[in-house]
Amino acid sequence: GTLALSGGNNRLPTGNDLVYGATSTLDVGSTSQTIRNLVFNSTATGTSTITGSGGALVSNPTTNLVIGGNSSGATRTVTMAGLSTFTFNGVGRAFSVGGVHDASGASPSGGTLLLAQTSNITAASFNVGTGSNGFSYQNTGTVQLGQTTVLNANTIIVGGEKNVATLNYQAGLTNPVLTIRGTSGGSTSANITVSTNS
C-alpha cells in the first residue's frame, strides 16, 4: 500500500519509527518528514519505496539501519530515487546494505538501495555487502548514488566477508557528486576498505 503525506511538514510523529511491510510506499510529496528509525522487512523479497518530488525525509536513528534479506533467498530493495532529499543523522550508528542470511544449505540473500537525488548520510560506519557469511554462497549488497551524495562515516566497507558488493551511480545522471569525510565532517577522513575475505 501507499501512505501519502500532504498539508504541511511532519504529518507523522517525529519520534516514531517508520516500519515497512513486504512491499509498500511512503510518498512525502513536497513536505518534510522527520522520523526516528527506518525499519525494513528482511524476511520476504520485495521493494520499499520512499518518494516525493520537492520533499525530504530526515531520520534521527536510535538503532543501526539494515537493508537486506535475512532469510534464504530474500532480497530487499529500497528505492528513494523519486525523493528529493534524504538525511540520516546516525552518529554512532551503522548504515548497512546487503543480505545478512547465514545458514548452511541456504540461498544467497541480498539488499539494494537507490539513494535520493540529494543524500546526506552521517554514520559511524557505511557498509555495502558485508553481511556475515561463513558458508559457500555469497550474499549481495548494492548502493546506487543519486545526483549529490555526502557520506560522513569513519569506516566505509564495500564487499566484506566474501560477499558481493556494488557501489555506483544511478543511470542517467549528469556530473554526479560524491563527498566522503569522517563522521564528524569538515576535514576529517574515512577509512575505506574494498573487499575482504574474512
Protein backbone atom coordinates (compact mmCIF):
# COMPACT_ATOMS: atom_id res chain seq x y z
CA GLY A 1 0.00 0.00 0.00
CA THR A 2 0.88 3.69 -0.18
CA LEU A 3 0.90 6.32 2.55
CA ALA A 4 0.80 9.82 1.02
CA LEU A 5 1.53 12.90 3.13
CA SER A 6 0.26 16.40 2.41
CA GLY A 7 -0.91 19.57 4.13
CA GLY A 8 2.32 20.55 5.87
CA ASN A 9 5.52 19.18 7.36
CA ASN A 10 5.77 16.35 9.89
CA ARG A 11 2.30 14.92 9.47
CA LEU A 12 3.59 11.80 11.25
CA PRO A 13 5.02 11.86 14.81
CA THR A 14 8.69 12.77 14.55
CA GLY A 15 9.78 10.47 17.38
CA ASN A 16 8.31 7.27 15.92
CA ASP A 17 9.82 4.56 13.72
CA LEU A 18 8.79 4.07 10.09
CA VAL A 19 8.25 0.31 9.69
CA TYR A 20 7.82 -1.16 6.22
CA GLY A 21 5.95 -4.32 5.28
CA ALA A 22 6.89 -6.59 2.39
CA THR A 23 6.03 -4.08 -0.36
CA SER A 24 4.92 -0.54 0.48
CA THR A 25 5.41 3.15 -0.36
CA LEU A 26 5.78 6.39 1.59
CA ASP A 27 5.10 9.46 -0.54
CA VAL A 28 6.09 12.62 1.34
CA GLY A 29 5.05 14.80 -1.59
CA SER A 30 6.64 18.22 -1.30
CA THR A 31 6.66 18.12 2.52
CA SER A 32 9.44 17.41 5.01
CA GLN A 33 9.04 14.49 7.40
CA THR A 34 11.32 13.66 10.35
CA ILE A 35 11.25 10.16 11.86
CA ARG A 36 13.32 8.09 14.25
CA ASN A 37 14.32 4.70 12.75
CA LEU A 38 13.76 3.25 9.30
CA VAL A 39 12.85 -0.44 9.65
CA PHE A 40 12.56 -2.63 6.55
CA ASN A 41 11.18 -6.14 6.15
CA SER A 42 14.04 -8.66 5.99
CA THR A 43 12.25 -12.00 5.64
CA ALA A 44 10.42 -11.54 2.32
CA THR A 45 11.58 -10.38 -1.10
CA GLY A 46 10.07 -7.02 -2.06
CA THR A 47 10.51 -3.32 -2.73
CA SER A 48 10.11 -0.47 -0.25
CA THR A 49 9.68 2.96 -1.83
CA ILE A 50 10.21 6.45 -0.41
CA THR A 51 9.30 9.18 -2.87
CA GLY A 52 8.41 12.86 -3.05
CA SER A 53 9.33 15.49 -5.63
CA GLY A 54 10.50 18.50 -3.64
CA GLY A 55 10.13 16.51 -0.43
CA ALA A 56 12.55 15.50 2.30
CA LEU A 57 12.88 12.63 4.77
CA VAL A 58 15.08 13.01 7.87
CA SER A 59 16.00 10.05 10.10
CA ASN A 60 17.38 10.59 13.61
CA PRO A 61 18.04 6.93 14.43
CA THR A 62 18.49 5.22 17.77
CA THR A 63 19.47 1.89 16.15
CA ASN A 64 21.52 0.72 13.18
CA LEU A 65 19.97 0.80 9.71
CA VAL A 66 19.97 -2.53 7.87
CA ILE A 67 18.64 -3.02 4.34
CA GLY A 68 18.85 -6.66 3.28
CA GLY A 69 17.32 -10.09 3.40
CA ASN A 70 17.75 -12.27 6.48
CA SER A 71 16.16 -15.47 5.20
CA SER A 72 17.13 -17.90 2.44
CA GLY A 73 16.89 -16.18 -0.95
CA ALA A 74 15.26 -12.99 0.41
CA THR A 75 16.18 -9.72 -1.30
CA ARG A 76 15.12 -6.30 -0.03
CA THR A 77 15.16 -3.31 -2.40
CA VAL A 78 14.70 0.22 -1.09
CA THR A 79 14.31 2.97 -3.66
CA MET A 80 14.49 6.67 -2.83
CA ALA A 81 15.20 7.65 -6.43
CA GLY A 82 12.00 9.72 -6.58
CA LEU A 83 12.76 11.58 -3.33
CA SER A 84 14.44 14.99 -3.47
CA THR A 85 16.37 14.89 -0.16
CA PHE A 86 17.28 12.20 2.37
CA THR A 87 19.17 12.89 5.61
CA PHE A 88 20.45 10.24 8.02
CA ASN A 89 21.80 11.69 11.29
CA GLY A 90 23.30 8.48 12.64
CA VAL A 91 26.37 9.42 14.67
CA GLY A 92 27.33 6.20 16.45
CA ARG A 93 25.12 4.06 14.18
CA ALA A 94 25.87 1.69 11.30
CA PHE A 95 24.32 2.16 7.87
CA SER A 96 24.37 -1.26 6.16
CA VAL A 97 23.05 -2.53 2.83
CA GLY A 98 23.26 -6.19 1.86
CA GLY A 99 21.96 -9.66 2.62
CA VAL A 100 22.77 -10.97 6.08
CA HIS A 101 21.41 -14.53 5.98
CA ASP A 102 23.94 -17.02 7.29
CA ALA A 103 22.89 -20.68 7.31
CA SER A 104 24.13 -23.92 5.80
CA GLY A 105 22.27 -25.08 2.68
CA ALA A 106 20.56 -21.72 2.14
CA SER A 107 20.34 -19.50 -0.94
CA PRO A 108 22.07 -16.10 -1.04
CA SER A 109 20.20 -13.08 0.32
CA GLY A 110 20.58 -9.51 -0.88
CA GLY A 111 19.94 -5.83 -0.32
CA THR A 112 19.75 -2.90 -2.74
CA LEU A 113 19.42 0.84 -2.07
CA LEU A 114 18.80 3.62 -4.58
CA LEU A 115 19.52 6.90 -2.81
CA ALA A 116 17.61 10.17 -3.13
CA GLN A 117 18.59 12.92 -5.57
CA THR A 118 20.42 14.57 -2.65
CA SER A 119 21.52 12.44 0.29
CA ASN A 120 23.36 13.44 3.47
CA ILE A 121 24.43 10.39 5.46
CA THR A 122 26.25 10.60 8.78
CA ALA A 123 27.12 7.29 10.45
CA ALA A 124 29.85 5.54 12.39
CA SER A 125 30.17 3.07 9.51
CA PHE A 126 28.78 2.73 5.98
CA ASN A 127 28.72 -0.88 4.80
CA VAL A 128 27.80 -2.39 1.43
CA GLY A 129 27.72 -6.17 1.09
CA THR A 130 29.25 -7.01 4.47
CA GLY A 131 26.65 -9.38 5.93
CA SER A 132 28.18 -12.26 7.87
CA ASN A 133 28.54 -15.44 5.84
CA GLY A 134 30.60 -18.45 6.81
CA PHE A 135 29.22 -20.66 4.03
CA SER A 136 29.97 -21.23 0.33
CA TYR A 137 27.28 -18.93 -1.13
CA GLN A 138 27.74 -15.15 -1.38
CA ASN A 139 25.22 -12.59 -0.16
CA THR A 140 24.97 -9.39 -2.19
CA GLY A 141 24.72 -5.65 -1.49
CA THR A 142 24.22 -2.75 -3.90
CA VAL A 143 24.04 1.02 -3.35
CA GLN A 144 23.30 3.35 -6.25
CA LEU A 145 24.06 7.00 -5.54
CA GLY A 146 21.95 9.97 -6.62
CA GLN A 147 22.97 13.32 -8.09
CA THR A 148 24.59 14.66 -4.88
CA THR A 149 25.73 12.46 -2.01
CA VAL A 150 27.57 13.48 1.16
CA LEU A 151 28.85 10.49 3.10
CA ASN A 152 30.28 11.17 6.56
CA ALA A 153 31.50 7.91 8.14
CA ASN A 154 34.70 6.92 9.91
CA THR A 155 34.59 3.44 8.36
CA ILE A 156 33.44 2.53 4.86
CA ILE A 157 33.49 -1.10 3.71
CA VAL A 158 32.45 -2.22 0.25
CA GLY A 159 32.48 -6.01 -0.03
CA GLY A 160 33.22 -7.84 3.22
CA GLU A 161 33.03 -11.41 4.49
CA LYS A 162 33.49 -12.74 0.90
CA ASN A 163 30.22 -11.15 -0.20
CA VAL A 164 29.50 -9.36 -3.49
CA ALA A 165 29.14 -5.57 -3.33
CA THR A 166 28.42 -2.79 -5.81
CA LEU A 167 28.67 0.95 -5.17
CA ASN A 168 27.85 3.05 -8.23
CA TYR A 169 25.67 5.85 -9.61
CA GLN A 170 22.14 5.60 -10.87
CA ALA A 171 21.76 5.72 -14.65
CA GLY A 172 21.04 8.99 -16.41
CA LEU A 173 22.78 11.41 -14.02
CA THR A 174 24.86 14.34 -15.26
CA ASN A 175 28.13 15.02 -13.42
CA PRO A 176 27.04 13.50 -10.09
CA VAL A 177 29.00 14.44 -6.96
CA LEU A 178 30.12 12.25 -4.05
CA THR A 179 31.80 13.78 -1.00
CA ILE A 180 33.37 11.47 1.60
CA ARG A 181 34.51 12.56 5.05
CA GLY A 182 34.80 11.12 8.53
CA THR A 183 31.76 11.01 10.81
CA SER A 184 32.49 14.50 12.18
CA GLY A 185 32.60 16.00 8.67
CA GLY A 186 34.82 19.01 7.99
CA SER A 187 38.41 18.00 7.27
CA THR A 188 38.13 14.52 8.84
CA SER A 189 38.77 11.45 6.73
CA ALA A 190 37.27 7.98 6.37
CA ASN A 191 38.96 4.59 6.44
CA ILE A 192 37.84 2.83 3.24
CA THR A 193 38.14 -0.91 2.67
CA VAL A 194 37.21 -2.55 -0.63
CA SER A 195 36.79 -6.35 -0.49
CA THR A 196 37.76 -8.58 2.41
CA ASN A 197 37.67 -12.37 2.51
CA SER A 198 37.23 -12.87 6.25
